């Protein structure tokens, strides 16, 4: 069987390529490009999965979406104990927590920031723009930005406890956490004022498997701090 990654440029599917490279597994890539105006995935992805989003993998008769589910599937089927703490180890609970925190908590305010920033810059009738701008600024300043700062402060403090998110060893939880932190560096103010998170980005970007995934996946803007 050959694993096929249905890969959308500048998306969460880059993490799946990176995981496969870390595991040394053979895989194929089917590339998809975002619509340059809407930045949405093309309709062709709906032929693979009804929601038409990435990442999606196919492996034999299995078709699987959602980054966390894909990571767990690949580790269960092909991991052979790699990139995940052993069941029952104290680090296993941290692994599970961060694997789900990445999408369940970290990405929500980052996505809201993206949406409301687009509202600020969207073309609209002159009489509507002050109203839309006022609403967007209030949501950003009153909710989105404080939540992003709180989460970044929390993650910074957690990395003071362990070198990697799950513990002393690099794991797939770090792969999962890469996207929200790269997105935060790209558009939400994460910089070297939070040295542990910034150092985390430097370390993952130096990994050979990360570079191999970039070479195969193509342009990925979030890799630039």
N, C-alpha and C. Protein backbone atom coordinates (compact mmCIF):
# COMPACT_ATOMS: atom_id res chain seq x y z
N UNK A 1 0.83 -1.19 0.00
CA UNK A 1 0.00 0.00 0.00
C UNK A 1 0.88 1.25 0.00
N UNK A 2 0.44 2.30 -0.70
CA UNK A 2 1.14 3.56 -0.71
C UNK A 2 0.27 4.63 -0.07
N UNK A 3 0.84 5.36 0.86
CA UNK A 3 0.14 6.47 1.49
C UNK A 3 0.16 7.65 0.52
N UNK A 4 -1.00 8.24 0.29
CA UNK A 4 -1.10 9.44 -0.53
C UNK A 4 -1.55 10.59 0.35
N UNK A 5 -0.78 11.67 0.31
CA UNK A 5 -1.14 12.88 1.05
C UNK A 5 -1.74 13.87 0.05
N UNK A 6 -2.97 14.27 0.29
CA UNK A 6 -3.63 15.28 -0.52
C UNK A 6 -3.25 16.63 0.10
N UNK A 7 -2.28 17.27 -0.53
CA UNK A 7 -1.53 18.37 0.08
C UNK A 7 -1.93 19.71 -0.50
N UNK A 8 -2.41 20.59 0.36
CA UNK A 8 -2.76 21.95 -0.02
C UNK A 8 -1.62 22.88 0.37
N UNK A 9 -1.24 23.77 -0.52
CA UNK A 9 -0.13 24.67 -0.22
C UNK A 9 -0.46 25.55 1.00
N UNK A 10 0.55 25.85 1.78
CA UNK A 10 0.41 26.70 2.98
C UNK A 10 -0.72 26.21 3.88
N UNK A 11 -0.68 24.96 4.25
CA UNK A 11 -1.75 24.41 5.08
C UNK A 11 -1.20 23.44 6.11
N UNK A 12 -2.11 22.95 6.94
CA UNK A 12 -1.77 21.99 7.97
C UNK A 12 -1.20 20.69 7.42
N UNK A 13 -1.44 20.41 6.16
CA UNK A 13 -0.95 19.15 5.60
C UNK A 13 0.56 19.09 5.54
N UNK A 14 1.24 20.24 5.67
CA UNK A 14 2.70 20.22 5.72
C UNK A 14 3.18 19.39 6.90
N UNK A 15 2.41 19.41 8.01
CA UNK A 15 2.78 18.62 9.18
C UNK A 15 2.76 17.13 8.89
N UNK A 16 1.83 16.70 8.05
CA UNK A 16 1.73 15.28 7.72
C UNK A 16 2.95 14.85 6.91
N UNK A 17 3.36 15.68 5.95
CA UNK A 17 4.57 15.36 5.19
C UNK A 17 5.77 15.26 6.12
N UNK A 18 5.86 16.18 7.06
CA UNK A 18 6.98 16.17 8.00
C UNK A 18 6.97 14.91 8.85
N UNK A 19 5.81 14.52 9.36
CA UNK A 19 5.72 13.28 10.15
C UNK A 19 6.17 12.08 9.33
N UNK A 20 5.72 11.99 8.10
CA UNK A 20 6.10 10.85 7.25
C UNK A 20 7.60 10.83 7.01
N UNK A 21 8.20 12.00 6.87
CA UNK A 21 9.65 12.07 6.70
C UNK A 21 10.36 11.65 7.98
N UNK A 22 9.87 12.06 9.14
CA UNK A 22 10.47 11.65 10.40
C UNK A 22 10.39 10.14 10.58
N UNK A 23 9.29 9.54 10.13
CA UNK A 23 9.11 8.09 10.26
C UNK A 23 9.81 7.32 9.15
N UNK A 24 10.26 8.01 8.12
CA UNK A 24 10.93 7.34 7.01
C UNK A 24 10.00 6.48 6.18
N UNK A 25 8.74 6.88 6.06
CA UNK A 25 7.76 6.09 5.32
C UNK A 25 7.65 6.58 3.87
N UNK A 26 7.45 5.65 2.94
CA UNK A 26 7.23 6.06 1.55
C UNK A 26 5.83 6.66 1.40
N UNK A 27 5.71 7.67 0.57
CA UNK A 27 4.40 8.28 0.35
C UNK A 27 4.41 9.04 -0.97
N UNK A 28 3.22 9.29 -1.45
CA UNK A 28 3.03 10.10 -2.65
C UNK A 28 2.28 11.37 -2.26
N UNK A 29 2.46 12.40 -3.06
CA UNK A 29 1.77 13.66 -2.81
C UNK A 29 0.91 14.00 -4.02
N UNK A 30 -0.34 14.38 -3.75
CA UNK A 30 -1.18 14.99 -4.77
C UNK A 30 -1.35 16.44 -4.37
N UNK A 31 -0.89 17.35 -5.21
CA UNK A 31 -0.85 18.76 -4.87
C UNK A 31 -2.14 19.47 -5.26
N UNK A 32 -2.54 20.39 -4.41
CA UNK A 32 -3.70 21.25 -4.67
C UNK A 32 -3.28 22.68 -4.36
N UNK A 33 -3.82 23.63 -5.11
CA UNK A 33 -3.50 25.04 -4.92
C UNK A 33 -4.73 25.80 -4.44
N UNK A 34 -4.50 26.74 -3.54
CA UNK A 34 -5.58 27.60 -3.06
C UNK A 34 -6.05 28.54 -4.16
N UNK A 35 -7.33 28.91 -4.10
CA UNK A 35 -7.85 29.95 -4.97
C UNK A 35 -7.16 31.27 -4.59
N UNK A 36 -6.54 31.95 -5.54
CA UNK A 36 -5.77 33.15 -5.19
C UNK A 36 -6.62 34.29 -4.62
N UNK A 37 -7.93 34.30 -4.90
CA UNK A 37 -8.80 35.35 -4.40
C UNK A 37 -9.39 35.00 -3.03
N UNK A 38 -9.93 33.80 -2.92
CA UNK A 38 -10.59 33.41 -1.66
C UNK A 38 -9.63 32.75 -0.69
N UNK A 39 -8.50 32.23 -1.18
CA UNK A 39 -7.53 31.46 -0.40
C UNK A 39 -8.11 30.14 0.09
N UNK A 40 -9.22 29.71 -0.48
CA UNK A 40 -9.82 28.45 -0.09
C UNK A 40 -9.27 27.31 -0.94
N UNK A 41 -9.47 26.08 -0.45
CA UNK A 41 -9.05 24.90 -1.19
C UNK A 41 -9.89 24.74 -2.45
N UNK A 42 -9.34 24.13 -3.50
CA UNK A 42 -10.11 23.96 -4.73
C UNK A 42 -11.20 22.90 -4.58
N UNK A 43 -12.24 22.97 -5.40
CA UNK A 43 -13.34 21.98 -5.32
C UNK A 43 -12.87 20.54 -5.52
N UNK A 44 -11.73 20.35 -6.18
CA UNK A 44 -11.25 18.99 -6.45
C UNK A 44 -11.04 18.20 -5.17
N UNK A 45 -10.76 18.86 -4.06
CA UNK A 45 -10.55 18.13 -2.80
C UNK A 45 -11.82 17.48 -2.29
N UNK A 46 -12.98 17.99 -2.73
CA UNK A 46 -14.24 17.38 -2.29
C UNK A 46 -14.43 15.99 -2.89
N UNK A 47 -13.71 15.70 -3.95
CA UNK A 47 -13.76 14.35 -4.52
C UNK A 47 -13.04 13.35 -3.63
N UNK A 48 -12.19 13.85 -2.75
CA UNK A 48 -11.44 12.99 -1.83
C UNK A 48 -12.16 12.88 -0.50
N UNK A 49 -12.62 14.03 0.01
CA UNK A 49 -13.34 14.07 1.28
C UNK A 49 -14.46 15.10 1.16
N UNK A 50 -15.65 14.81 1.67
CA UNK A 50 -16.81 15.69 1.46
C UNK A 50 -16.61 17.14 1.89
N UNK A 51 -15.78 17.39 2.90
CA UNK A 51 -15.57 18.76 3.35
C UNK A 51 -14.58 19.53 2.48
N UNK A 52 -13.85 18.81 1.64
CA UNK A 52 -12.95 19.48 0.71
C UNK A 52 -11.85 20.28 1.35
N UNK A 53 -11.32 19.77 2.46
CA UNK A 53 -10.24 20.47 3.16
C UNK A 53 -9.01 19.58 3.25
N UNK A 54 -7.91 20.20 3.61
CA UNK A 54 -6.65 19.47 3.76
C UNK A 54 -6.16 19.66 5.18
N UNK A 55 -5.51 18.66 5.78
CA UNK A 55 -4.98 17.45 5.16
C UNK A 55 -5.99 16.31 5.06
N UNK A 56 -5.78 15.53 4.05
CA UNK A 56 -6.45 14.24 3.89
C UNK A 56 -5.40 13.26 3.41
N UNK A 57 -5.46 12.05 3.93
CA UNK A 57 -4.59 11.00 3.39
C UNK A 57 -5.47 9.83 2.94
N UNK A 58 -4.96 9.10 1.97
CA UNK A 58 -5.55 7.82 1.61
C UNK A 58 -4.46 6.77 1.78
N UNK A 59 -4.88 5.65 2.33
CA UNK A 59 -3.95 4.54 2.59
C UNK A 59 -4.73 3.26 2.35
N UNK A 60 -4.57 2.70 1.15
CA UNK A 60 -5.40 1.57 0.80
C UNK A 60 -6.85 2.00 0.71
N UNK A 61 -7.72 1.31 1.45
CA UNK A 61 -9.14 1.65 1.44
C UNK A 61 -9.50 2.75 2.44
N UNK A 62 -8.54 3.17 3.23
CA UNK A 62 -8.81 4.17 4.26
C UNK A 62 -8.61 5.58 3.72
N UNK A 63 -9.57 6.44 4.03
CA UNK A 63 -9.45 7.87 3.76
C UNK A 63 -9.66 8.59 5.08
N UNK A 64 -8.70 9.44 5.45
CA UNK A 64 -8.73 10.04 6.77
C UNK A 64 -8.39 11.52 6.68
N UNK A 65 -9.19 12.34 7.39
CA UNK A 65 -8.95 13.77 7.50
C UNK A 65 -8.65 14.11 8.95
N UNK A 66 -8.36 15.38 9.20
CA UNK A 66 -8.02 15.93 10.51
C UNK A 66 -6.59 15.56 10.92
N UNK A 67 -5.80 16.61 11.15
CA UNK A 67 -4.38 16.41 11.44
C UNK A 67 -4.13 15.46 12.60
N UNK A 68 -4.81 15.69 13.73
CA UNK A 68 -4.59 14.85 14.90
C UNK A 68 -4.94 13.40 14.65
N UNK A 69 -6.06 13.18 13.97
CA UNK A 69 -6.48 11.81 13.67
C UNK A 69 -5.49 11.14 12.73
N UNK A 70 -4.98 11.88 11.75
CA UNK A 70 -4.00 11.33 10.81
C UNK A 70 -2.72 10.97 11.55
N UNK A 71 -2.28 11.85 12.44
CA UNK A 71 -1.06 11.56 13.20
C UNK A 71 -1.23 10.30 14.03
N UNK A 72 -2.35 10.19 14.74
CA UNK A 72 -2.57 9.00 15.57
C UNK A 72 -2.65 7.74 14.71
N UNK A 73 -3.31 7.83 13.57
CA UNK A 73 -3.41 6.67 12.67
C UNK A 73 -2.03 6.22 12.20
N UNK A 74 -1.22 7.17 11.75
CA UNK A 74 0.11 6.81 11.24
C UNK A 74 1.00 6.24 12.33
N UNK A 75 0.90 6.79 13.55
CA UNK A 75 1.70 6.25 14.65
C UNK A 75 1.21 4.87 15.05
N UNK A 76 -0.11 4.68 15.09
CA UNK A 76 -0.65 3.37 15.45
C UNK A 76 -0.25 2.30 14.43
N UNK A 77 -0.32 2.65 13.16
CA UNK A 77 -0.11 1.65 12.13
C UNK A 77 1.35 1.46 11.75
N UNK A 78 2.11 2.55 11.76
CA UNK A 78 3.47 2.48 11.24
C UNK A 78 4.55 2.97 12.21
N UNK A 79 4.15 3.51 13.35
CA UNK A 79 5.11 4.18 14.20
C UNK A 79 6.09 3.27 14.90
N UNK A 80 5.67 2.05 15.23
CA UNK A 80 6.54 1.09 15.94
C UNK A 80 7.14 1.71 17.20
N UNK A 81 6.31 2.47 17.91
CA UNK A 81 6.75 3.06 19.16
C UNK A 81 7.50 4.37 19.03
N UNK A 82 7.73 4.83 17.82
CA UNK A 82 8.48 6.06 17.62
C UNK A 82 7.60 7.30 17.75
N UNK A 83 8.21 8.41 18.16
CA UNK A 83 7.60 9.74 18.18
C UNK A 83 6.37 9.84 19.08
N UNK A 84 6.28 8.94 20.06
CA UNK A 84 5.19 8.99 21.02
C UNK A 84 5.64 8.31 22.30
N UNK A 85 5.44 8.94 23.47
CA UNK A 85 5.81 8.29 24.72
C UNK A 85 5.04 6.99 24.91
N UNK A 86 5.63 6.07 25.64
CA UNK A 86 5.00 4.77 25.87
C UNK A 86 3.72 4.94 26.67
N UNK A 87 2.75 4.07 26.40
CA UNK A 87 1.50 4.08 27.16
C UNK A 87 1.81 3.90 28.64
N UNK A 88 1.18 4.73 29.47
CA UNK A 88 1.41 4.65 30.90
C UNK A 88 2.52 5.54 31.41
N UNK A 89 3.37 6.03 30.51
CA UNK A 89 4.44 6.95 30.92
C UNK A 89 3.84 8.31 31.25
N UNK A 90 4.42 9.04 32.21
CA UNK A 90 3.89 10.36 32.54
C UNK A 90 3.82 11.30 31.33
N UNK A 91 4.78 11.14 30.44
CA UNK A 91 4.81 12.02 29.26
C UNK A 91 3.68 11.74 28.28
N UNK A 92 3.07 10.55 28.38
CA UNK A 92 2.00 10.21 27.42
C UNK A 92 0.80 11.14 27.59
N UNK A 93 0.48 11.52 28.81
CA UNK A 93 -0.65 12.43 29.03
C UNK A 93 -0.35 13.80 28.44
N UNK A 94 0.88 14.28 28.63
CA UNK A 94 1.26 15.55 28.02
C UNK A 94 1.21 15.45 26.49
N UNK A 95 1.65 14.34 25.95
CA UNK A 95 1.60 14.13 24.50
C UNK A 95 0.17 14.27 24.00
N UNK A 96 -0.75 13.56 24.64
CA UNK A 96 -2.15 13.60 24.21
C UNK A 96 -2.73 15.01 24.34
N UNK A 97 -2.38 15.68 25.44
CA UNK A 97 -2.89 17.02 25.66
C UNK A 97 -2.47 17.96 24.54
N UNK A 98 -1.17 18.01 24.23
CA UNK A 98 -0.70 18.96 23.23
C UNK A 98 -1.13 18.56 21.83
N UNK A 99 -1.29 17.27 21.60
CA UNK A 99 -1.78 16.82 20.29
C UNK A 99 -3.15 17.42 20.01
N UNK A 100 -3.98 17.54 21.05
CA UNK A 100 -5.33 18.08 20.87
C UNK A 100 -5.39 19.58 21.11
N UNK A 101 -4.52 20.12 21.94
CA UNK A 101 -4.49 21.56 22.20
C UNK A 101 -4.23 22.34 20.92
N UNK A 102 -3.40 21.83 20.05
CA UNK A 102 -3.00 22.55 18.85
C UNK A 102 -4.21 23.02 18.05
N UNK A 103 -5.16 22.13 17.81
CA UNK A 103 -6.34 22.50 17.04
C UNK A 103 -7.52 22.89 17.93
N UNK A 104 -7.63 22.27 19.10
CA UNK A 104 -8.78 22.53 19.95
C UNK A 104 -8.74 23.89 20.61
N UNK A 105 -7.55 24.43 20.87
CA UNK A 105 -7.43 25.71 21.56
C UNK A 105 -6.55 26.71 20.81
N UNK A 106 -5.35 26.31 20.44
CA UNK A 106 -4.38 27.26 19.92
C UNK A 106 -4.81 27.92 18.61
N UNK A 107 -5.45 27.16 17.72
CA UNK A 107 -5.78 27.70 16.41
C UNK A 107 -6.99 28.62 16.42
N UNK A 108 -7.88 28.51 17.40
CA UNK A 108 -9.13 29.27 17.35
C UNK A 108 -8.91 30.79 17.30
N UNK A 109 -8.18 31.39 18.25
CA UNK A 109 -7.99 32.83 18.14
C UNK A 109 -7.14 33.25 16.95
N UNK A 110 -6.25 32.38 16.49
CA UNK A 110 -5.46 32.71 15.30
C UNK A 110 -6.33 32.77 14.06
N UNK A 111 -7.30 31.87 13.96
CA UNK A 111 -8.23 31.91 12.84
C UNK A 111 -9.14 33.13 12.92
N UNK A 112 -9.57 33.46 14.14
CA UNK A 112 -10.39 34.66 14.30
C UNK A 112 -9.62 35.91 13.90
N UNK A 113 -8.36 35.96 14.25
CA UNK A 113 -7.53 37.11 13.85
C UNK A 113 -7.46 37.21 12.33
N UNK A 114 -7.27 36.09 11.67
CA UNK A 114 -7.21 36.08 10.21
C UNK A 114 -8.51 36.62 9.61
N UNK A 115 -9.63 36.14 10.12
CA UNK A 115 -10.94 36.53 9.59
C UNK A 115 -11.19 38.02 9.81
N UNK A 116 -10.97 38.50 11.03
CA UNK A 116 -11.27 39.90 11.32
C UNK A 116 -10.27 40.85 10.68
N UNK A 117 -9.05 40.42 10.46
CA UNK A 117 -8.11 41.24 9.69
C UNK A 117 -8.57 41.39 8.25
N UNK A 118 -9.17 40.34 7.71
CA UNK A 118 -9.69 40.43 6.35
C UNK A 118 -10.87 41.38 6.29
N UNK A 119 -11.70 41.38 7.34
CA UNK A 119 -12.82 42.32 7.38
C UNK A 119 -12.31 43.75 7.38
N UNK A 120 -11.24 44.01 8.14
CA UNK A 120 -10.67 45.35 8.18
C UNK A 120 -10.23 45.84 6.80
N UNK A 121 -9.76 44.92 5.98
CA UNK A 121 -9.19 45.30 4.67
C UNK A 121 -10.09 44.98 3.50
N UNK A 122 -11.28 44.45 3.76
CA UNK A 122 -12.16 44.03 2.67
C UNK A 122 -12.81 45.23 1.99
N UNK A 123 -12.94 45.20 0.67
CA UNK A 123 -13.66 46.28 -0.02
C UNK A 123 -15.15 46.22 0.34
N UNK A 124 -15.74 47.39 0.59
CA UNK A 124 -17.16 47.46 0.93
C UNK A 124 -17.62 48.90 0.73
N UNK A 125 -18.94 49.13 0.68
CA UNK A 125 -19.44 50.50 0.53
C UNK A 125 -18.89 51.41 1.63
N UNK A 126 -18.62 52.67 1.27
CA UNK A 126 -17.96 53.60 2.20
C UNK A 126 -18.74 53.76 3.50
N UNK A 127 -20.07 53.70 3.42
CA UNK A 127 -20.87 53.92 4.62
C UNK A 127 -20.84 52.72 5.56
N UNK A 128 -20.50 51.54 5.04
CA UNK A 128 -20.44 50.35 5.88
C UNK A 128 -19.08 50.15 6.51
N UNK A 129 -18.05 50.70 5.89
CA UNK A 129 -16.69 50.43 6.35
C UNK A 129 -16.44 50.89 7.79
N UNK A 130 -16.86 52.09 8.21
CA UNK A 130 -16.62 52.47 9.62
C UNK A 130 -17.28 51.54 10.62
N UNK A 131 -18.47 51.04 10.30
CA UNK A 131 -19.17 50.13 11.20
C UNK A 131 -18.43 48.80 11.27
N UNK A 132 -18.07 48.25 10.10
CA UNK A 132 -17.37 46.97 10.07
C UNK A 132 -16.02 47.08 10.77
N UNK A 133 -15.34 48.19 10.53
CA UNK A 133 -14.03 48.39 11.15
C UNK A 133 -14.16 48.48 12.67
N UNK A 134 -15.16 49.19 13.14
CA UNK A 134 -15.37 49.34 14.58
C UNK A 134 -15.63 47.99 15.24
N UNK A 135 -16.48 47.18 14.62
CA UNK A 135 -16.78 45.86 15.18
C UNK A 135 -15.52 44.99 15.19
N UNK A 136 -14.79 44.98 14.06
CA UNK A 136 -13.60 44.14 13.96
C UNK A 136 -12.55 44.54 14.99
N UNK A 137 -12.33 45.85 15.16
CA UNK A 137 -11.32 46.32 16.12
C UNK A 137 -11.72 45.94 17.54
N UNK A 138 -13.00 46.07 17.86
CA UNK A 138 -13.46 45.72 19.21
C UNK A 138 -13.26 44.24 19.49
N UNK A 139 -13.57 43.39 18.51
CA UNK A 139 -13.40 41.95 18.71
C UNK A 139 -11.92 41.60 18.82
N UNK A 140 -11.11 42.19 17.96
CA UNK A 140 -9.68 41.90 18.00
C UNK A 140 -9.05 42.36 19.31
N UNK A 141 -9.33 43.60 19.70
CA UNK A 141 -8.69 44.15 20.90
C UNK A 141 -9.29 43.61 22.19
N UNK A 142 -10.58 43.29 22.16
CA UNK A 142 -11.23 42.85 23.39
C UNK A 142 -11.19 41.36 23.63
N UNK A 143 -11.01 40.57 22.57
CA UNK A 143 -11.07 39.12 22.73
C UNK A 143 -9.91 38.39 22.07
N UNK A 144 -9.69 38.65 20.80
CA UNK A 144 -8.73 37.85 20.03
C UNK A 144 -7.30 38.07 20.52
N UNK A 145 -6.85 39.30 20.53
CA UNK A 145 -5.46 39.57 20.93
C UNK A 145 -5.17 39.16 22.37
N UNK A 146 -6.06 39.43 23.33
CA UNK A 146 -5.79 38.95 24.69
C UNK A 146 -5.69 37.44 24.78
N UNK A 147 -6.51 36.72 24.01
CA UNK A 147 -6.44 35.26 24.03
C UNK A 147 -5.16 34.74 23.41
N UNK A 148 -4.74 35.36 22.33
CA UNK A 148 -3.47 34.94 21.71
C UNK A 148 -2.31 35.17 22.68
N UNK A 149 -2.28 36.34 23.31
CA UNK A 149 -1.19 36.62 24.26
C UNK A 149 -1.21 35.63 25.43
N UNK A 150 -2.40 35.35 25.94
CA UNK A 150 -2.50 34.42 27.08
C UNK A 150 -2.02 33.03 26.69
N UNK A 151 -2.39 32.58 25.49
CA UNK A 151 -1.97 31.25 25.06
C UNK A 151 -0.47 31.19 24.82
N UNK A 152 0.08 32.22 24.21
CA UNK A 152 1.52 32.22 23.98
C UNK A 152 2.29 32.26 25.30
N UNK A 153 1.80 33.05 26.26
CA UNK A 153 2.44 33.08 27.58
C UNK A 153 2.37 31.70 28.25
N UNK A 154 1.24 31.05 28.12
CA UNK A 154 1.05 29.71 28.70
C UNK A 154 2.01 28.71 28.07
N UNK A 155 2.10 28.71 26.75
CA UNK A 155 2.98 27.77 26.07
C UNK A 155 4.45 28.05 26.40
N UNK A 156 4.79 29.34 26.48
CA UNK A 156 6.15 29.71 26.86
C UNK A 156 6.50 29.14 28.24
N UNK A 157 5.57 29.26 29.17
CA UNK A 157 5.81 28.75 30.53
C UNK A 157 5.90 27.22 30.54
N UNK A 158 5.12 26.56 29.72
CA UNK A 158 5.16 25.10 29.67
C UNK A 158 6.49 24.59 29.14
N UNK A 159 7.06 25.29 28.18
CA UNK A 159 8.35 24.86 27.64
C UNK A 159 9.50 25.16 28.60
N UNK A 160 9.21 25.87 29.68
CA UNK A 160 10.22 26.01 30.75
C UNK A 160 10.32 24.72 31.55
N UNK A 161 9.30 23.86 31.48
CA UNK A 161 9.27 22.61 32.24
C UNK A 161 9.96 21.47 31.50
N UNK A 162 9.84 21.48 30.18
CA UNK A 162 10.39 20.39 29.37
C UNK A 162 10.98 20.96 28.10
N UNK A 163 11.94 20.25 27.53
CA UNK A 163 12.57 20.73 26.30
C UNK A 163 11.60 20.72 25.14
N UNK A 164 10.78 19.67 25.07
CA UNK A 164 9.77 19.54 24.03
C UNK A 164 8.40 19.50 24.69
N UNK A 165 7.34 19.60 23.90
CA UNK A 165 6.01 19.74 24.50
C UNK A 165 5.60 18.53 25.34
N UNK A 166 5.93 17.34 24.91
CA UNK A 166 5.52 16.16 25.68
C UNK A 166 6.52 15.77 26.75
N UNK A 167 7.73 16.26 26.67
CA UNK A 167 8.76 15.85 27.62
C UNK A 167 10.15 16.11 27.08
N UNK A 168 11.13 15.35 27.52
CA UNK A 168 12.52 15.60 27.09
C UNK A 168 12.82 15.16 25.66
N UNK A 169 11.96 14.34 25.08
CA UNK A 169 12.19 13.83 23.73
C UNK A 169 11.25 14.47 22.72
N UNK A 170 11.76 14.74 21.53
CA UNK A 170 10.94 15.20 20.41
C UNK A 170 9.86 14.16 20.11
N UNK A 171 8.64 14.62 19.83
CA UNK A 171 7.55 13.70 19.53
C UNK A 171 6.63 14.30 18.47
N UNK A 172 5.65 13.51 18.07
CA UNK A 172 4.67 13.98 17.10
C UNK A 172 3.81 15.11 17.66
N UNK A 173 3.76 15.27 18.98
CA UNK A 173 3.06 16.43 19.54
C UNK A 173 3.74 17.72 19.12
N UNK A 174 5.05 17.71 18.98
CA UNK A 174 5.77 18.88 18.52
C UNK A 174 5.46 19.17 17.05
N UNK A 175 5.31 18.12 16.27
CA UNK A 175 4.91 18.29 14.88
C UNK A 175 3.53 18.93 14.81
N UNK A 176 2.61 18.46 15.64
CA UNK A 176 1.26 19.01 15.65
C UNK A 176 1.25 20.47 16.12
N UNK A 177 2.09 20.79 17.09
CA UNK A 177 2.13 22.15 17.62
C UNK A 177 2.86 23.12 16.69
N UNK A 178 3.54 22.63 15.69
CA UNK A 178 4.32 23.51 14.83
C UNK A 178 3.44 24.50 14.09
N UNK A 179 2.28 24.06 13.60
CA UNK A 179 1.49 24.95 12.74
C UNK A 179 0.94 26.16 13.49
N UNK A 180 0.30 26.00 14.66
CA UNK A 180 -0.16 27.21 15.34
C UNK A 180 0.98 28.15 15.74
N UNK A 181 2.13 27.61 16.09
CA UNK A 181 3.24 28.50 16.45
C UNK A 181 3.84 29.17 15.22
N UNK A 182 3.90 28.47 14.11
CA UNK A 182 4.35 29.11 12.88
C UNK A 182 3.36 30.18 12.44
N UNK A 183 2.06 29.88 12.58
CA UNK A 183 1.05 30.88 12.24
C UNK A 183 1.15 32.10 13.15
N UNK A 184 1.41 31.86 14.43
CA UNK A 184 1.55 32.97 15.38
C UNK A 184 2.77 33.83 15.03
N UNK A 185 3.85 33.20 14.60
CA UNK A 185 5.04 33.95 14.19
C UNK A 185 4.78 34.72 12.90
N UNK A 186 3.95 34.14 12.05
CA UNK A 186 3.68 34.73 10.74
C UNK A 186 2.76 35.93 10.84
N UNK A 187 1.76 35.88 11.76
CA UNK A 187 0.76 36.95 11.75
C UNK A 187 0.25 37.39 13.11
N UNK A 188 0.83 36.89 14.20
CA UNK A 188 0.24 37.22 15.51
C UNK A 188 1.28 37.64 16.54
N UNK A 189 2.44 38.07 16.09
CA UNK A 189 3.37 38.72 17.00
C UNK A 189 4.32 37.83 17.77
N UNK A 190 4.35 36.53 17.50
CA UNK A 190 5.32 35.68 18.18
C UNK A 190 6.71 36.00 17.65
N UNK A 191 7.62 36.35 18.57
CA UNK A 191 8.99 36.66 18.19
C UNK A 191 9.93 36.26 19.32
N UNK A 192 11.15 36.72 19.27
CA UNK A 192 12.13 36.27 20.26
C UNK A 192 11.94 36.88 21.64
N UNK A 193 10.86 37.68 21.82
CA UNK A 193 10.52 38.12 23.18
C UNK A 193 9.98 36.96 24.01
N UNK A 194 9.60 35.88 23.35
CA UNK A 194 9.26 34.62 24.02
C UNK A 194 10.32 33.60 23.60
N UNK A 195 11.46 33.60 24.27
CA UNK A 195 12.63 32.86 23.78
C UNK A 195 12.43 31.35 23.68
N UNK A 196 11.62 30.77 24.55
CA UNK A 196 11.45 29.31 24.48
C UNK A 196 10.63 28.91 23.25
N UNK A 197 9.56 29.63 22.98
CA UNK A 197 8.79 29.33 21.78
C UNK A 197 9.59 29.65 20.52
N UNK A 198 10.31 30.74 20.56
CA UNK A 198 11.14 31.11 19.41
C UNK A 198 12.23 30.06 19.18
N UNK A 199 12.81 29.61 20.27
CA UNK A 199 13.82 28.56 20.15
C UNK A 199 13.24 27.26 19.64
N UNK A 200 12.01 26.96 20.05
CA UNK A 200 11.33 25.76 19.54
C UNK A 200 11.22 25.83 18.02
N UNK A 201 10.82 26.98 17.50
CA UNK A 201 10.71 27.12 16.05
C UNK A 201 12.06 26.96 15.37
N UNK A 202 13.11 27.52 15.96
CA UNK A 202 14.44 27.36 15.36
C UNK A 202 14.86 25.89 15.32
N UNK A 203 14.54 25.16 16.39
CA UNK A 203 14.96 23.76 16.48
C UNK A 203 14.20 22.88 15.49
N UNK A 204 12.89 23.11 15.37
CA UNK A 204 12.15 22.26 14.43
C UNK A 204 12.55 22.60 12.99
N UNK A 205 12.81 23.87 12.72
CA UNK A 205 13.18 24.25 11.36
C UNK A 205 14.57 23.77 10.98
N UNK A 206 15.35 23.35 11.95
CA UNK A 206 16.68 22.82 11.67
C UNK A 206 16.69 21.31 11.45
N UNK A 207 15.56 20.65 11.69
CA UNK A 207 15.54 19.19 11.58
C UNK A 207 15.60 18.77 10.11
N UNK A 208 16.45 17.80 9.78
CA UNK A 208 16.56 17.35 8.39
C UNK A 208 15.23 16.89 7.79
N UNK A 209 14.42 16.19 8.58
CA UNK A 209 13.13 15.71 8.07
C UNK A 209 12.21 16.87 7.72
N UNK A 210 12.29 17.94 8.49
CA UNK A 210 11.48 19.13 8.20
C UNK A 210 11.87 19.69 6.83
N UNK A 211 13.16 19.75 6.56
CA UNK A 211 13.63 20.27 5.27
C UNK A 211 13.25 19.34 4.13
N UNK A 212 13.31 18.04 4.35
CA UNK A 212 12.90 17.10 3.30
C UNK A 212 11.42 17.29 2.97
N UNK A 213 10.61 17.52 4.00
CA UNK A 213 9.18 17.73 3.77
C UNK A 213 8.93 19.01 2.99
N UNK A 214 9.70 20.06 3.27
CA UNK A 214 9.57 21.30 2.51
C UNK A 214 9.95 21.10 1.05
N UNK A 215 10.99 20.33 0.82
CA UNK A 215 11.43 20.08 -0.55
C UNK A 215 10.36 19.35 -1.34
N UNK A 216 9.67 18.42 -0.70
CA UNK A 216 8.65 17.66 -1.40
C UNK A 216 7.32 18.40 -1.47
N UNK A 217 7.01 19.16 -0.43
CA UNK A 217 5.71 19.81 -0.37
C UNK A 217 5.61 21.10 -1.16
N UNK A 218 6.75 21.77 -1.38
CA UNK A 218 6.72 23.02 -2.10
C UNK A 218 6.64 24.21 -1.16
N UNK A 219 6.40 25.40 -1.71
CA UNK A 219 6.43 26.63 -0.92
C UNK A 219 5.53 26.57 0.31
N UNK A 220 6.07 27.05 1.42
CA UNK A 220 5.34 27.02 2.70
C UNK A 220 5.75 28.28 3.46
N UNK A 221 4.91 29.30 3.36
CA UNK A 221 5.26 30.62 3.89
C UNK A 221 5.45 30.62 5.39
N UNK A 222 4.78 29.71 6.11
CA UNK A 222 4.83 29.74 7.57
C UNK A 222 6.17 29.28 8.13
N UNK A 223 7.03 28.76 7.29
CA UNK A 223 8.36 28.36 7.75
C UNK A 223 9.27 29.55 7.95
N UNK A 224 8.81 30.74 7.56
CA UNK A 224 9.63 31.93 7.70
C UNK A 224 9.19 32.69 8.93
N UNK A 225 10.09 32.78 9.93
CA UNK A 225 9.73 33.52 11.14
C UNK A 225 9.80 35.01 10.85
